[in-house]
Amino acid sequence: MAIHEFMLFVQLPDRLEDPRVHTESLHRTGCNEDAIICYGVRGHIGFEFRRDAKSLPAALKRAWYQVQMAIPGVTLMEIEAVP
């Protein structure tokens, strides 16, 4: 296992929604355990993950699954690997 650092940027189903309403559901799915959740623009959330996994694809897949479980209908806008 290795630590993989990456960022996910997502758009909420309701672009005018305050993203902080999803804080509790993100915590329930475990997104807060190894990620910084960044709120800034209405309708969007950024995540800075530092995840222990066998590979970067495995880390990304698990993180994206957790975000989708917390916020049904969310759209992935961008993935950025942190070197």
C-alpha atoms as a PDB file:
ATOM      1  CA  MET A   1       0.000   0.000   0.000  1.00  0.00           C
ATOM      2  CA  ALA A   2       1.075   3.564  -0.644  1.00  0.00           C
ATOM      3  CA  ILE A   3      -0.233   7.059   0.016  1.00  0.00           C
ATOM      4  CA  HIS A   4      -1.810   8.720  -3.032  1.00  0.00           C
ATOM      5  CA  GLU A   5      -2.618  12.421  -3.091  1.00  0.00           C
ATOM      6  CA  PHE A   6      -5.200  13.820  -5.476  1.00  0.00           C
ATOM      7  CA  MET A   7      -8.002  16.327  -5.772  1.00  0.00           C
ATOM      8  CA  LEU A   8     -11.566  15.831  -6.955  1.00  0.00           C
ATOM      9  CA  PHE A   9     -13.757  18.730  -8.021  1.00  0.00           C
ATOM     10  CA  VAL A  10     -17.483  18.083  -8.267  1.00  0.00           C
ATOM     11  CA  GLN A  11     -20.651  19.901  -9.223  1.00  0.00           C
ATOM     12  CA  LEU A  12     -23.748  19.370  -7.118  1.00  0.00           C
ATOM     13  CA  PRO A  13     -27.069  18.417  -8.725  1.00  0.00           C
ATOM     14  CA  ASP A  14     -28.448  21.825  -7.694  1.00  0.00           C
ATOM     15  CA  ARG A  15     -25.838  24.386  -8.760  1.00  0.00           C
ATOM     16  CA  LEU A  16     -27.365  27.064  -6.533  1.00  0.00           C
ATOM     17  CA  GLU A  17     -27.249  24.902  -3.407  1.00  0.00           C
ATOM     18  CA  ASP A  18     -25.001  25.736  -0.474  1.00  0.00           C
ATOM     19  CA  PRO A  19     -22.487  22.849  -0.563  1.00  0.00           C
ATOM     20  CA  ARG A  20     -22.182  22.777   3.227  1.00  0.00           C
ATOM     21  CA  VAL A  21     -25.557  21.029   3.483  1.00  0.00           C
ATOM     22  CA  HIS A  22     -23.727  17.834   2.449  1.00  0.00           C
ATOM     23  CA  THR A  23     -21.123  17.924   5.224  1.00  0.00           C
ATOM     24  CA  GLU A  24     -22.801  15.325   7.417  1.00  0.00           C
ATOM     25  CA  SER A  25     -23.436  12.850   4.601  1.00  0.00           C
ATOM     26  CA  LEU A  26     -19.815  13.212   3.432  1.00  0.00           C
ATOM     27  CA  HIS A  27     -18.654  12.448   6.969  1.00  0.00           C
ATOM     28  CA  ARG A  28     -20.932   9.388   7.135  1.00  0.00           C
ATOM     29  CA  THR A  29     -19.353   7.919   3.982  1.00  0.00           C
ATOM     30  CA  GLY A  30     -15.834   8.510   5.332  1.00  0.00           C
ATOM     31  CA  CYS A  31     -14.742  11.373   3.099  1.00  0.00           C
ATOM     32  CA  ASN A  32     -13.534  13.343   6.099  1.00  0.00           C
ATOM     33  CA  GLU A  33     -11.132  10.625   7.296  1.00  0.00           C
ATOM     34  CA  ASP A  34      -8.449  11.267   4.689  1.00  0.00           C
ATOM     35  CA  ALA A  35      -9.630  14.355   2.834  1.00  0.00           C
ATOM     36  CA  ILE A  36      -9.951  18.064   3.263  1.00  0.00           C
ATOM     37  CA  ILE A  37     -13.380  19.141   2.058  1.00  0.00           C
ATOM     38  CA  CYS A  38     -13.249  22.560   0.389  1.00  0.00           C
ATOM     39  CA  TYR A  39     -16.346  24.724   0.078  1.00  0.00           C
ATOM     40  CA  GLY A  40     -16.164  27.935  -1.888  1.00  0.00           C
ATOM     41  CA  VAL A  41     -18.480  28.347  -4.829  1.00  0.00           C
ATOM     42  CA  ARG A  42     -22.179  27.520  -4.565  1.00  0.00           C
ATOM     43  CA  GLY A  43     -22.989  24.236  -6.220  1.00  0.00           C
ATOM     44  CA  HIS A  44     -19.417  22.925  -6.106  1.00  0.00           C
ATOM     45  CA  ILE A  45     -17.152  21.049  -3.689  1.00  0.00           C
ATOM     46  CA  GLY A  46     -13.447  20.287  -3.869  1.00  0.00           C
ATOM     47  CA  PHE A  47     -11.760  17.410  -2.067  1.00  0.00           C
ATOM     48  CA  GLU A  48      -8.067  17.066  -1.337  1.00  0.00           C
ATOM     49  CA  PHE A  49      -7.498  13.379  -0.624  1.00  0.00           C
ATOM     50  CA  ARG A  50      -4.463  11.707   0.909  1.00  0.00           C
ATOM     51  CA  ARG A  51      -5.484   8.068   0.604  1.00  0.00           C
ATOM     52  CA  ASP A  52      -3.707   4.797   1.393  1.00  0.00           C
ATOM     53  CA  ALA A  53      -4.376   2.287  -1.405  1.00  0.00           C
ATOM     54  CA  LYS A  54      -2.692  -0.294  -3.655  1.00  0.00           C
ATOM     55  CA  SER A  55      -2.753   2.094  -6.620  1.00  0.00           C
ATOM     56  CA  LEU A  56      -3.848   5.583  -7.621  1.00  0.00           C
ATOM     57  CA  PRO A  57      -6.767   4.200  -9.704  1.00  0.00           C
ATOM     58  CA  ALA A  58      -7.958   2.185  -6.685  1.00  0.00           C
ATOM     59  CA  ALA A  59      -7.748   5.267  -4.458  1.00  0.00           C
ATOM     60  CA  LEU A  60      -9.642   7.398  -6.995  1.00  0.00           C
ATOM     61  CA  LYS A  61     -12.340   4.769  -7.499  1.00  0.00           C
ATOM     62  CA  ARG A  62     -13.022   4.433  -3.766  1.00  0.00           C
ATOM     63  CA  ALA A  63     -13.057   8.204  -3.192  1.00  0.00           C
ATOM     64  CA  TRP A  64     -15.446   8.810  -6.094  1.00  0.00           C
ATOM     65  CA  TYR A  65     -17.729   6.013  -4.853  1.00  0.00           C
ATOM     66  CA  GLN A  66     -17.889   7.606  -1.385  1.00  0.00           C
ATOM     67  CA  VAL A  67     -18.697  11.032  -2.834  1.00  0.00           C
ATOM     68  CA  GLN A  68     -21.473   9.541  -4.994  1.00  0.00           C
ATOM     69  CA  MET A  69     -22.966   7.713  -2.011  1.00  0.00           C
ATOM     70  CA  ALA A  70     -22.996  10.950  -0.003  1.00  0.00           C
ATOM     71  CA  ILE A  71     -24.394  13.140  -2.789  1.00  0.00           C
ATOM     72  CA  PRO A  72     -26.567  11.268  -5.303  1.00  0.00           C
ATOM     73  CA  GLY A  73     -26.526  12.907  -8.737  1.00  0.00           C
ATOM     74  CA  VAL A  74     -23.171  14.651  -8.225  1.00  0.00           C
ATOM     75  CA  THR A  75     -21.058  15.245 -11.355  1.00  0.00           C
ATOM     76  CA  LEU A  76     -17.292  14.783 -11.440  1.00  0.00           C
ATOM     77  CA  MET A  77     -15.790  17.887 -13.057  1.00  0.00           C
ATOM     78  CA  GLU A  78     -12.046  17.371 -12.624  1.00  0.00           C
ATOM     79  CA  ILE A  79      -9.413  15.065 -11.152  1.00  0.00           C
ATOM     80  CA  GLU A  80      -5.991  16.435 -10.335  1.00  0.00           C
ATOM     81  CA  ALA A  81      -3.111  14.260  -9.168  1.00  0.00           C
ATOM     82  CA  VAL A  82      -0.794  15.855  -6.629  1.00  0.00           C
ATOM     83  CA  PRO A  83       2.829  15.004  -7.484  1.00  0.00           C
END
